[in-house]
């Protein structure tokens, strides 16, 4: 059972997730979203809306963090629950109508928005590509975390692969926990 692997499932009441978009009808997400900010999802001037396929990544990351199965007589998917299934989700969508991401001018906008919803842990499964060294975005995350020492920001290390700048910003910030896979 999950409780023996990760006994702190109720440690966080809400988590902040910043990603593409979210399928709020998913059996793992339904009823858990306490705030949804569609920052980049509005139509652009040409009437384009976000692509449906772009919703999958945000749903995957939110479910991995705080998903909790709605069990019915026909299924029991609770073994696929997220790491903190008792937590609610404050979701900040950065999906652009053209695909890709549309970030706010400063990361404090997305972090403050999720913090006001009670989030102390913030997940950012995105990054800027091709950044070398300590970039402006990393500096701004560090500045926010310096003034909010009771918060944790987790960021994806990136998808750049084994090259010179393979850990992207903001994952290379001093106070951000970078997560990656092999």
Protein backbone atom coordinates (compact mmCIF):
# COMPACT_ATOMS: atom_id res chain seq x y z
CA UNK A 1 0.00 0.00 0.00
CA UNK A 2 0.98 3.61 -0.60
CA UNK A 3 1.13 4.44 3.12
CA UNK A 4 4.14 2.18 3.69
CA UNK A 5 6.02 3.66 0.76
CA UNK A 6 5.22 7.31 1.40
CA UNK A 7 3.49 7.78 4.78
CA UNK A 8 3.20 11.58 4.51
CA UNK A 9 0.25 11.66 2.12
CA UNK A 10 -1.63 14.27 4.19
CA UNK A 11 1.32 16.56 4.89
CA UNK A 12 0.26 19.12 2.28
CA UNK A 13 -3.31 20.40 2.00
CA UNK A 14 -2.76 21.97 -1.41
CA UNK A 15 -0.03 21.97 -4.02
CA UNK A 16 0.68 24.48 -6.74
CA UNK A 17 1.11 23.06 -10.21
CA UNK A 18 2.24 25.16 -13.16
CA UNK A 19 2.05 23.38 -16.49
CA UNK A 20 0.25 23.27 -19.83
CA UNK A 21 -3.43 22.69 -19.12
CA UNK A 22 -5.52 20.28 -17.07
CA UNK A 23 -8.33 17.83 -17.79
CA UNK A 24 -10.48 18.49 -14.74
CA UNK A 25 -12.75 15.56 -15.63
CA UNK A 26 -10.00 12.97 -15.06
CA UNK A 27 -10.95 10.43 -12.37
CA UNK A 28 -7.75 11.36 -10.54
CA UNK A 29 -8.31 15.14 -10.67
CA UNK A 30 -12.09 15.60 -10.44
CA UNK A 31 -13.12 17.55 -7.34
CA UNK A 32 -9.52 18.34 -6.29
CA UNK A 33 -8.94 21.62 -8.14
CA UNK A 34 -9.44 24.56 -5.78
CA UNK A 35 -8.11 27.14 -8.24
CA UNK A 36 -7.53 27.12 -12.00
CA UNK A 37 -5.75 30.06 -13.62
CA UNK A 38 -5.86 29.91 -17.46
CA UNK A 39 -2.95 32.36 -17.94
CA UNK A 40 -2.07 31.39 -21.50
CA UNK A 41 -5.20 29.57 -22.60
CA UNK A 42 -7.20 32.44 -24.01
CA UNK A 43 -7.80 32.60 -27.73
CA UNK A 44 -5.24 34.54 -29.66
CA UNK A 45 -6.23 37.20 -32.20
CA UNK A 46 -6.73 34.53 -34.86
CA UNK A 47 -9.23 32.54 -32.75
CA UNK A 48 -6.78 29.73 -31.95
CA UNK A 49 -7.34 27.80 -28.72
CA UNK A 50 -4.94 25.39 -26.99
CA UNK A 51 -4.52 21.99 -28.59
CA UNK A 52 -6.29 19.17 -26.76
CA UNK A 53 -3.10 17.06 -26.79
CA UNK A 54 -1.35 19.77 -24.77
CA UNK A 55 -3.76 19.16 -21.88
CA UNK A 56 -2.27 15.73 -21.25
CA UNK A 57 1.04 16.88 -19.74
CA UNK A 58 -0.56 19.09 -17.08
CA UNK A 59 -3.02 16.33 -16.21
CA UNK A 60 -0.15 13.83 -15.93
CA UNK A 61 1.94 16.05 -13.63
CA UNK A 62 -0.99 17.09 -11.41
CA UNK A 63 -2.10 13.46 -11.14
CA UNK A 64 1.41 12.27 -10.29
CA UNK A 65 1.57 14.82 -7.49
CA UNK A 66 -1.93 14.84 -6.01
CA UNK A 67 -4.16 12.54 -8.04
CA UNK A 68 -6.67 10.42 -6.17
CA UNK A 69 -8.82 7.81 -7.88
CA UNK A 70 -12.57 8.00 -7.65
CA UNK A 71 -13.26 4.33 -7.05
CA UNK A 72 -16.48 2.85 -8.39
CA UNK A 73 -17.97 -0.64 -8.34
CA UNK A 74 -16.29 -1.29 -11.71
CA UNK A 75 -12.78 -0.08 -10.93
CA UNK A 76 -10.26 0.56 -8.23
CA UNK A 77 -7.38 2.60 -9.52
CA UNK A 78 -6.20 3.72 -6.09
CA UNK A 79 -2.87 1.97 -6.63
CA UNK A 80 -2.20 4.68 -9.23
CA UNK A 81 -2.84 7.59 -6.82
CA UNK A 82 -0.36 10.43 -6.74
CA UNK A 83 2.27 11.07 -4.07
CA UNK A 84 -0.01 13.29 -1.95
CA UNK A 85 -3.54 12.10 -2.79
CA UNK A 86 -5.15 14.05 0.06
CA UNK A 87 -3.87 17.38 -1.30
CA UNK A 88 -5.94 19.80 -3.36
CA UNK A 89 -4.56 21.36 -6.53
CA UNK A 90 -4.05 25.00 -7.40
CA UNK A 91 -3.30 24.92 -11.14
CA UNK A 92 -1.68 27.74 -13.13
CA UNK A 93 -1.90 27.00 -16.85
CA UNK A 94 0.85 28.41 -19.05
CA UNK A 95 -0.36 26.79 -22.27
CA UNK A 96 -0.15 29.08 -25.27
CA UNK A 97 -2.87 29.03 -27.96
CA UNK A 98 -0.08 28.18 -30.42
CA UNK A 99 1.19 25.27 -28.32
CA UNK A 100 4.21 25.63 -26.10
CA UNK A 101 4.20 27.85 -23.03
CA UNK A 102 3.29 31.42 -22.23
CA UNK A 103 4.89 32.49 -18.95
CA UNK A 104 3.86 35.50 -16.90
CA UNK A 105 6.41 38.37 -16.91
CA UNK A 106 7.68 37.34 -13.45
CA UNK A 107 7.52 33.95 -11.71
CA UNK A 108 6.23 35.70 -8.58
CA UNK A 109 2.86 36.02 -10.36
CA UNK A 110 2.37 32.26 -10.62
CA UNK A 111 4.00 31.46 -7.25
CA UNK A 112 2.00 34.12 -5.35
CA UNK A 113 -1.22 32.99 -7.05
CA UNK A 114 -0.72 29.37 -5.96
CA UNK A 115 0.52 30.43 -2.50
CA UNK A 116 -2.69 32.43 -1.92
CA UNK A 117 -4.57 29.16 -2.50
CA UNK A 118 -2.55 27.57 0.31
CA UNK A 119 0.21 25.89 -1.69
CA UNK A 120 3.61 25.59 -0.04
CA UNK A 121 4.98 23.12 -2.58
CA UNK A 122 5.08 24.27 -6.20
CA UNK A 123 5.69 22.00 -9.19
CA UNK A 124 6.97 23.39 -12.48
CA UNK A 125 7.38 20.65 -15.08
CA UNK A 126 8.69 23.00 -17.74
CA UNK A 127 11.84 24.97 -18.33
CA UNK A 128 13.54 27.30 -20.71
CA UNK A 129 15.67 25.59 -23.32
CA UNK A 130 19.23 26.46 -24.16
CA UNK A 131 19.99 28.47 -21.05
CA UNK A 132 23.56 28.34 -19.86
CA UNK A 133 24.48 29.24 -16.34
CA UNK A 134 22.42 31.25 -13.92
CA UNK A 135 19.67 32.94 -15.98
CA UNK A 136 17.26 35.76 -15.10
CA UNK A 137 14.42 33.28 -14.52
CA UNK A 138 16.49 31.30 -12.01
CA UNK A 139 17.43 34.49 -10.20
CA UNK A 140 13.78 35.52 -9.91
CA UNK A 141 12.80 32.12 -8.48
CA UNK A 142 15.64 32.41 -5.94
CA UNK A 143 14.53 35.92 -4.96
CA UNK A 144 10.96 34.73 -4.38
CA UNK A 145 12.12 31.73 -2.35
CA UNK A 146 14.39 33.95 -0.24
CA UNK A 147 11.32 35.92 0.89
CA UNK A 148 9.19 32.73 1.24
CA UNK A 149 11.51 30.31 3.08
CA UNK A 150 8.62 28.01 4.05
CA UNK A 151 7.96 27.11 0.39
CA UNK A 152 9.53 24.51 -1.88
CA UNK A 153 9.72 24.87 -5.65
CA UNK A 154 10.39 21.75 -7.70
CA UNK A 155 11.32 22.19 -11.35
CA UNK A 156 12.00 19.81 -14.21
CA UNK A 157 15.70 19.59 -15.02
CA UNK A 158 14.81 19.78 -18.71
CA UNK A 159 14.71 17.67 -21.83
CA UNK A 160 17.90 18.98 -23.42
CA UNK A 161 19.93 15.84 -22.94
CA UNK A 162 23.62 15.47 -22.25
CA UNK A 163 24.99 18.69 -23.63
CA UNK A 164 26.59 21.80 -22.21
CA UNK A 165 23.36 23.43 -20.97
CA UNK A 166 21.39 20.34 -20.09
CA UNK A 167 19.84 21.64 -16.83
CA UNK A 168 17.40 24.32 -17.82
CA UNK A 169 16.23 27.40 -15.97
CA UNK A 170 14.61 27.59 -13.40
CA UNK A 171 15.85 24.12 -12.33
CA UNK A 172 19.39 25.50 -12.03
CA UNK A 173 18.34 28.08 -9.43
CA UNK A 174 20.12 27.78 -6.10
CA UNK A 175 16.97 27.27 -4.00
CA UNK A 176 14.94 25.17 -6.44
CA UNK A 177 14.83 21.38 -6.22
CA UNK A 178 15.55 19.99 -9.71
CA UNK A 179 13.98 16.71 -10.72
CA UNK A 180 15.01 14.62 -13.69
CA UNK A 181 14.94 11.15 -15.12
CA UNK A 182 17.31 8.87 -16.92
